[in-house]
């Protein structure tokens, strides 16, 4: 698993890059709606600068979707993420939401990536 540093302010924002099309950087490059990308970038800027605690955003912008997994929302764009210590956010994946509910496969993948992240972090510490 490879982590890319997206932001490094009051809140650090890291993104998992495992070479799949739903990782955040690939998604943002391929996203057809530049306005969605710009608005997500602005949201990340606000979080990075410490102006926003992600969990304090309105529920329509950020809410809990699975075991320790949160979702940022901008129009139809969804970003699944989780917390690490020291004001760090780890972005698992991004996608265009096509249904009313977040797909179970996306939630399961985010949970698996979170588990893998902490396992690798623990192994590196030993």
N, C-alpha and C. Protein backbone atom coordinates (compact mmCIF):
# COMPACT_ATOMS: atom_id res chain seq x y z
N UNK A 1 0.85 -1.17 0.00
CA UNK A 1 0.00 0.00 0.00
C UNK A 1 0.90 1.24 0.00
N UNK A 2 0.57 2.19 -0.84
CA UNK A 2 1.33 3.42 -0.95
C UNK A 2 0.43 4.58 -0.53
N UNK A 3 0.95 5.51 0.25
CA UNK A 3 0.18 6.69 0.68
C UNK A 3 0.73 7.93 0.00
N UNK A 4 -0.18 8.75 -0.49
CA UNK A 4 0.20 10.03 -1.08
C UNK A 4 -0.27 11.14 -0.15
N UNK A 5 0.60 12.08 0.14
CA UNK A 5 0.25 13.22 0.98
C UNK A 5 -0.45 14.26 0.11
N UNK A 6 -1.71 14.54 0.46
CA UNK A 6 -2.48 15.53 -0.29
C UNK A 6 -2.41 16.91 0.36
N UNK A 7 -2.45 16.92 1.68
CA UNK A 7 -2.44 18.18 2.44
C UNK A 7 -1.64 17.96 3.72
N UNK A 8 -1.03 19.03 4.21
CA UNK A 8 -0.21 18.90 5.40
C UNK A 8 -0.30 20.17 6.24
N UNK A 9 -1.47 20.43 6.76
CA UNK A 9 -1.68 21.60 7.61
C UNK A 9 -2.11 21.17 8.99
N UNK A 10 -3.09 21.88 9.54
CA UNK A 10 -3.62 21.51 10.85
C UNK A 10 -4.15 20.07 10.83
N UNK A 11 -4.73 19.70 9.72
CA UNK A 11 -5.14 18.31 9.46
C UNK A 11 -4.30 17.80 8.30
N UNK A 12 -3.72 16.63 8.46
CA UNK A 12 -3.02 15.97 7.36
C UNK A 12 -4.04 15.14 6.60
N UNK A 13 -3.97 15.19 5.29
CA UNK A 13 -4.85 14.37 4.46
C UNK A 13 -3.95 13.52 3.57
N UNK A 14 -4.05 12.20 3.76
CA UNK A 14 -3.29 11.23 2.97
C UNK A 14 -4.28 10.40 2.16
N UNK A 15 -3.85 9.96 1.00
CA UNK A 15 -4.71 9.12 0.16
C UNK A 15 -4.01 7.80 -0.14
N UNK A 16 -4.75 6.73 0.00
CA UNK A 16 -4.23 5.40 -0.36
C UNK A 16 -4.19 5.30 -1.86
N UNK A 17 -3.05 4.84 -2.37
CA UNK A 17 -2.90 4.60 -3.81
C UNK A 17 -2.47 3.16 -3.98
N UNK A 18 -3.41 2.34 -4.43
CA UNK A 18 -3.09 0.93 -4.65
C UNK A 18 -3.23 0.57 -6.13
N UNK A 19 -3.20 1.60 -6.98
CA UNK A 19 -3.22 1.36 -8.42
C UNK A 19 -4.59 1.11 -9.01
N UNK A 20 -5.64 1.18 -8.20
CA UNK A 20 -6.98 0.95 -8.72
C UNK A 20 -7.61 2.25 -9.17
N UNK A 21 -8.61 2.14 -10.03
CA UNK A 21 -9.22 3.34 -10.60
C UNK A 21 -10.03 4.14 -9.60
N UNK A 22 -10.37 3.55 -8.45
CA UNK A 22 -11.17 4.30 -7.49
C UNK A 22 -10.32 4.94 -6.40
N UNK A 23 -8.98 4.91 -6.54
CA UNK A 23 -8.20 5.68 -5.58
C UNK A 23 -8.38 7.15 -5.90
N UNK A 24 -8.19 8.01 -4.93
CA UNK A 24 -8.58 9.40 -5.05
C UNK A 24 -7.88 10.14 -6.18
N UNK A 25 -6.58 10.01 -6.30
CA UNK A 25 -5.87 10.78 -7.32
C UNK A 25 -6.29 10.38 -8.72
N UNK A 26 -6.41 9.09 -8.99
CA UNK A 26 -6.86 8.64 -10.30
C UNK A 26 -8.26 9.15 -10.57
N UNK A 27 -9.12 9.05 -9.56
CA UNK A 27 -10.49 9.52 -9.70
C UNK A 27 -10.54 11.00 -10.04
N UNK A 28 -9.77 11.82 -9.32
CA UNK A 28 -9.80 13.27 -9.57
C UNK A 28 -9.29 13.62 -10.97
N UNK A 29 -8.28 12.91 -11.43
CA UNK A 29 -7.76 13.15 -12.78
C UNK A 29 -8.80 12.77 -13.83
N UNK A 30 -9.51 11.67 -13.59
CA UNK A 30 -10.48 11.18 -14.56
C UNK A 30 -11.86 11.81 -14.43
N UNK A 31 -12.09 12.56 -13.36
CA UNK A 31 -13.42 13.13 -13.11
C UNK A 31 -13.80 14.09 -14.24
N UNK A 32 -14.99 13.90 -14.77
CA UNK A 32 -15.46 14.71 -15.90
C UNK A 32 -15.99 16.07 -15.48
N UNK A 33 -16.35 16.20 -14.20
CA UNK A 33 -16.94 17.46 -13.74
C UNK A 33 -15.90 18.25 -12.96
N UNK A 34 -15.29 19.22 -13.63
CA UNK A 34 -14.25 20.03 -12.99
C UNK A 34 -14.79 20.78 -11.78
N UNK A 35 -16.06 21.17 -11.81
CA UNK A 35 -16.62 21.90 -10.66
C UNK A 35 -16.65 21.03 -9.42
N UNK A 36 -16.94 19.74 -9.57
CA UNK A 36 -16.91 18.83 -8.42
C UNK A 36 -15.50 18.73 -7.85
N UNK A 37 -14.52 18.62 -8.72
CA UNK A 37 -13.12 18.53 -8.28
C UNK A 37 -12.73 19.81 -7.55
N UNK A 38 -13.08 20.96 -8.12
CA UNK A 38 -12.75 22.24 -7.49
C UNK A 38 -13.39 22.37 -6.11
N UNK A 39 -14.64 21.93 -5.99
CA UNK A 39 -15.33 22.03 -4.71
C UNK A 39 -14.74 21.06 -3.69
N UNK A 40 -14.34 19.87 -4.13
CA UNK A 40 -13.68 18.93 -3.22
C UNK A 40 -12.33 19.48 -2.77
N UNK A 41 -11.60 20.07 -3.68
CA UNK A 41 -10.31 20.67 -3.34
C UNK A 41 -10.52 21.79 -2.32
N UNK A 42 -11.55 22.59 -2.48
CA UNK A 42 -11.84 23.66 -1.53
C UNK A 42 -12.20 23.09 -0.16
N UNK A 43 -12.95 21.99 -0.15
CA UNK A 43 -13.30 21.33 1.10
C UNK A 43 -12.05 20.79 1.79
N UNK A 44 -11.16 20.16 1.04
CA UNK A 44 -9.90 19.68 1.59
C UNK A 44 -9.07 20.84 2.14
N UNK A 45 -9.06 21.97 1.43
CA UNK A 45 -8.32 23.14 1.91
C UNK A 45 -8.85 23.59 3.27
N UNK A 46 -10.16 23.64 3.41
CA UNK A 46 -10.77 24.06 4.68
C UNK A 46 -10.40 23.10 5.82
N UNK A 47 -10.43 21.80 5.52
CA UNK A 47 -10.07 20.79 6.53
C UNK A 47 -8.60 20.92 6.89
N UNK A 48 -7.76 21.02 5.87
CA UNK A 48 -6.31 21.11 6.08
C UNK A 48 -5.95 22.30 6.96
N UNK A 49 -6.57 23.41 6.72
CA UNK A 49 -6.24 24.65 7.44
C UNK A 49 -6.79 24.67 8.86
N UNK A 50 -7.51 23.63 9.23
CA UNK A 50 -8.03 23.55 10.59
C UNK A 50 -9.33 24.31 10.79
N UNK A 51 -9.88 24.82 9.71
CA UNK A 51 -11.14 25.56 9.82
C UNK A 51 -12.33 24.63 10.01
N UNK A 52 -12.16 23.38 9.63
CA UNK A 52 -13.25 22.42 9.74
C UNK A 52 -12.76 21.11 10.35
N UNK A 53 -13.48 20.61 11.33
CA UNK A 53 -13.31 19.24 11.76
C UNK A 53 -14.25 18.45 10.87
N UNK A 54 -13.75 17.49 10.10
CA UNK A 54 -14.62 16.81 9.13
C UNK A 54 -15.92 16.27 9.72
N UNK A 55 -15.87 15.77 10.95
CA UNK A 55 -17.08 15.21 11.54
C UNK A 55 -18.07 16.29 11.96
N UNK A 56 -17.64 17.54 11.97
CA UNK A 56 -18.54 18.62 12.36
C UNK A 56 -19.25 19.24 11.15
N UNK A 57 -18.93 18.74 9.96
CA UNK A 57 -19.62 19.21 8.76
C UNK A 57 -21.08 18.80 8.82
N UNK A 58 -21.95 19.50 8.11
CA UNK A 58 -23.34 19.06 8.06
C UNK A 58 -23.43 17.63 7.54
N UNK A 59 -24.43 16.90 8.02
CA UNK A 59 -24.56 15.48 7.68
C UNK A 59 -24.62 15.25 6.17
N UNK A 60 -25.17 16.18 5.42
CA UNK A 60 -25.23 15.96 3.97
C UNK A 60 -23.86 16.08 3.32
N UNK A 61 -22.88 16.68 4.02
CA UNK A 61 -21.51 16.78 3.51
C UNK A 61 -20.59 15.68 4.01
N UNK A 62 -20.84 15.19 5.25
CA UNK A 62 -19.96 14.20 5.85
C UNK A 62 -20.75 13.38 6.86
N UNK A 63 -20.72 12.05 6.70
CA UNK A 63 -21.40 11.20 7.67
C UNK A 63 -20.76 9.82 7.73
N UNK A 64 -21.06 9.12 8.80
CA UNK A 64 -20.55 7.78 9.06
C UNK A 64 -21.31 6.79 8.17
N UNK A 65 -20.57 5.90 7.47
CA UNK A 65 -21.24 4.94 6.58
C UNK A 65 -20.97 3.49 6.93
N UNK A 66 -19.91 3.23 7.68
CA UNK A 66 -19.56 1.85 8.05
C UNK A 66 -18.63 1.91 9.25
N UNK A 67 -18.21 0.75 9.70
CA UNK A 67 -17.34 0.65 10.88
C UNK A 67 -16.11 1.55 10.74
N UNK A 68 -16.12 2.69 11.45
CA UNK A 68 -15.02 3.65 11.46
C UNK A 68 -14.70 4.23 10.09
N UNK A 69 -15.66 4.19 9.18
CA UNK A 69 -15.51 4.76 7.84
C UNK A 69 -16.50 5.91 7.69
N UNK A 70 -16.00 7.02 7.18
CA UNK A 70 -16.79 8.22 6.97
C UNK A 70 -16.86 8.53 5.48
N UNK A 71 -17.85 9.33 5.10
CA UNK A 71 -18.03 9.68 3.70
C UNK A 71 -18.16 11.19 3.55
N UNK A 72 -17.29 11.77 2.71
CA UNK A 72 -17.43 13.16 2.29
C UNK A 72 -18.25 13.17 1.01
N UNK A 73 -19.14 14.13 0.90
CA UNK A 73 -20.05 14.19 -0.24
C UNK A 73 -19.96 15.55 -0.91
N UNK A 74 -19.84 15.53 -2.23
CA UNK A 74 -19.94 16.75 -3.02
C UNK A 74 -20.72 16.40 -4.28
N UNK A 75 -21.97 16.84 -4.30
CA UNK A 75 -22.90 16.45 -5.36
C UNK A 75 -22.94 14.93 -5.44
N UNK A 76 -22.57 14.35 -6.59
CA UNK A 76 -22.61 12.89 -6.71
C UNK A 76 -21.27 12.23 -6.36
N UNK A 77 -20.26 13.02 -6.10
CA UNK A 77 -18.94 12.48 -5.76
C UNK A 77 -18.94 12.07 -4.29
N UNK A 78 -18.42 10.88 -4.03
CA UNK A 78 -18.30 10.35 -2.68
C UNK A 78 -16.85 9.97 -2.42
N UNK A 79 -16.37 10.34 -1.24
CA UNK A 79 -15.01 9.98 -0.81
C UNK A 79 -15.12 9.27 0.52
N UNK A 80 -14.65 8.04 0.58
CA UNK A 80 -14.65 7.27 1.82
C UNK A 80 -13.30 7.41 2.49
N UNK A 81 -13.31 7.62 3.81
CA UNK A 81 -12.09 7.90 4.55
C UNK A 81 -12.23 7.45 5.99
N UNK A 82 -11.08 7.47 6.71
CA UNK A 82 -11.07 7.15 8.13
C UNK A 82 -10.01 8.01 8.82
N UNK A 83 -10.06 8.01 10.14
CA UNK A 83 -9.11 8.76 10.94
C UNK A 83 -7.92 7.91 11.34
N UNK A 84 -6.77 8.58 11.45
CA UNK A 84 -5.63 8.06 12.17
C UNK A 84 -5.32 9.10 13.25
N UNK A 85 -4.33 8.85 14.08
CA UNK A 85 -4.07 9.80 15.17
C UNK A 85 -3.44 11.08 14.65
N UNK A 86 -3.36 12.06 15.53
CA UNK A 86 -2.72 13.34 15.24
C UNK A 86 -3.35 14.10 14.08
N UNK A 87 -4.66 14.21 14.10
CA UNK A 87 -5.38 14.97 13.07
C UNK A 87 -5.02 14.52 11.66
N UNK A 88 -5.10 13.24 11.43
CA UNK A 88 -4.78 12.67 10.12
C UNK A 88 -6.01 11.98 9.55
N UNK A 89 -6.29 12.27 8.31
CA UNK A 89 -7.38 11.64 7.57
C UNK A 89 -6.75 10.80 6.46
N UNK A 90 -7.21 9.56 6.35
CA UNK A 90 -6.74 8.66 5.29
C UNK A 90 -7.90 8.45 4.33
N UNK A 91 -7.74 8.88 3.10
CA UNK A 91 -8.77 8.72 2.08
C UNK A 91 -8.59 7.35 1.43
N UNK A 92 -9.66 6.55 1.46
CA UNK A 92 -9.60 5.19 0.90
C UNK A 92 -9.88 5.18 -0.59
N UNK A 93 -11.01 5.76 -0.97
CA UNK A 93 -11.43 5.68 -2.36
C UNK A 93 -12.45 6.77 -2.66
N UNK A 94 -12.65 6.99 -3.95
CA UNK A 94 -13.62 7.98 -4.42
C UNK A 94 -14.41 7.38 -5.57
N UNK A 95 -15.65 7.81 -5.67
CA UNK A 95 -16.50 7.28 -6.74
C UNK A 95 -17.69 8.20 -6.97
N UNK A 96 -18.37 7.99 -8.09
CA UNK A 96 -19.62 8.68 -8.38
C UNK A 96 -20.74 7.80 -7.87
N UNK A 97 -21.55 8.35 -7.01
CA UNK A 97 -22.66 7.59 -6.42
C UNK A 97 -23.81 7.53 -7.41
N UNK A 98 -24.27 6.33 -7.70
CA UNK A 98 -25.34 6.12 -8.67
C UNK A 98 -26.65 5.70 -8.02
N UNK A 99 -26.63 5.37 -6.74
CA UNK A 99 -27.83 4.91 -6.06
C UNK A 99 -28.03 5.73 -4.79
N UNK A 100 -29.14 5.50 -4.10
CA UNK A 100 -29.42 6.25 -2.88
C UNK A 100 -28.47 5.89 -1.74
N UNK A 101 -28.04 4.65 -1.69
CA UNK A 101 -27.17 4.20 -0.59
C UNK A 101 -25.77 3.93 -1.11
N UNK A 102 -24.80 4.12 -0.24
CA UNK A 102 -23.42 3.80 -0.60
C UNK A 102 -23.32 2.29 -0.82
N UNK A 103 -22.81 1.85 -1.97
CA UNK A 103 -22.74 0.42 -2.27
C UNK A 103 -21.94 -0.35 -1.21
N UNK A 104 -22.46 -1.52 -0.84
CA UNK A 104 -21.79 -2.36 0.16
C UNK A 104 -20.37 -2.73 -0.26
N UNK A 105 -20.17 -2.95 -1.56
CA UNK A 105 -18.83 -3.31 -2.03
C UNK A 105 -17.83 -2.19 -1.75
N UNK A 106 -18.25 -0.95 -1.89
CA UNK A 106 -17.37 0.19 -1.60
C UNK A 106 -17.07 0.26 -0.10
N UNK A 107 -18.10 0.05 0.71
CA UNK A 107 -17.90 0.07 2.16
C UNK A 107 -16.95 -1.04 2.59
N UNK A 108 -17.15 -2.24 2.07
CA UNK A 108 -16.29 -3.37 2.42
C UNK A 108 -14.85 -3.12 1.99
N UNK A 109 -14.67 -2.54 0.83
CA UNK A 109 -13.32 -2.23 0.35
C UNK A 109 -12.66 -1.20 1.26
N UNK A 110 -13.41 -0.18 1.67
CA UNK A 110 -12.86 0.84 2.57
C UNK A 110 -12.47 0.22 3.92
N UNK A 111 -13.32 -0.66 4.43
CA UNK A 111 -13.02 -1.34 5.70
C UNK A 111 -11.75 -2.18 5.56
N UNK A 112 -11.63 -2.90 4.44
CA UNK A 112 -10.45 -3.74 4.21
C UNK A 112 -9.18 -2.88 4.07
N UNK A 113 -9.29 -1.74 3.38
CA UNK A 113 -8.14 -0.85 3.25
C UNK A 113 -7.73 -0.27 4.60
N UNK A 114 -8.71 0.06 5.43
CA UNK A 114 -8.41 0.57 6.77
C UNK A 114 -7.66 -0.49 7.57
N UNK A 115 -8.16 -1.71 7.54
CA UNK A 115 -7.52 -2.81 8.26
C UNK A 115 -6.09 -3.02 7.76
N UNK A 116 -5.92 -3.04 6.45
CA UNK A 116 -4.59 -3.22 5.87
C UNK A 116 -3.66 -2.07 6.28
N UNK A 117 -4.16 -0.85 6.26
CA UNK A 117 -3.36 0.32 6.65
C UNK A 117 -2.81 0.16 8.06
N UNK A 118 -3.70 -0.18 9.01
CA UNK A 118 -3.24 -0.29 10.40
C UNK A 118 -2.35 -1.51 10.62
N UNK A 119 -2.59 -2.60 9.89
CA UNK A 119 -1.71 -3.76 9.99
C UNK A 119 -0.30 -3.42 9.50
N UNK A 120 -0.22 -2.74 8.36
CA UNK A 120 1.08 -2.36 7.83
C UNK A 120 1.77 -1.33 8.72
N UNK A 121 1.01 -0.43 9.27
CA UNK A 121 1.57 0.58 10.18
C UNK A 121 2.14 -0.10 11.43
N UNK A 122 1.41 -1.07 11.98
CA UNK A 122 1.86 -1.81 13.16
C UNK A 122 3.12 -2.61 12.85
N UNK A 123 3.13 -3.27 11.67
CA UNK A 123 4.29 -4.07 11.30
C UNK A 123 5.53 -3.20 11.11
N UNK A 124 5.34 -2.01 10.58
CA UNK A 124 6.47 -1.09 10.38
C UNK A 124 7.01 -0.57 11.71
N UNK A 125 6.14 -0.49 12.70
CA UNK A 125 6.56 0.01 14.02
C UNK A 125 7.35 -1.03 14.79
N UNK A 126 7.19 -2.30 14.44
CA UNK A 126 7.89 -3.39 15.16
C UNK A 126 9.24 -3.68 14.60
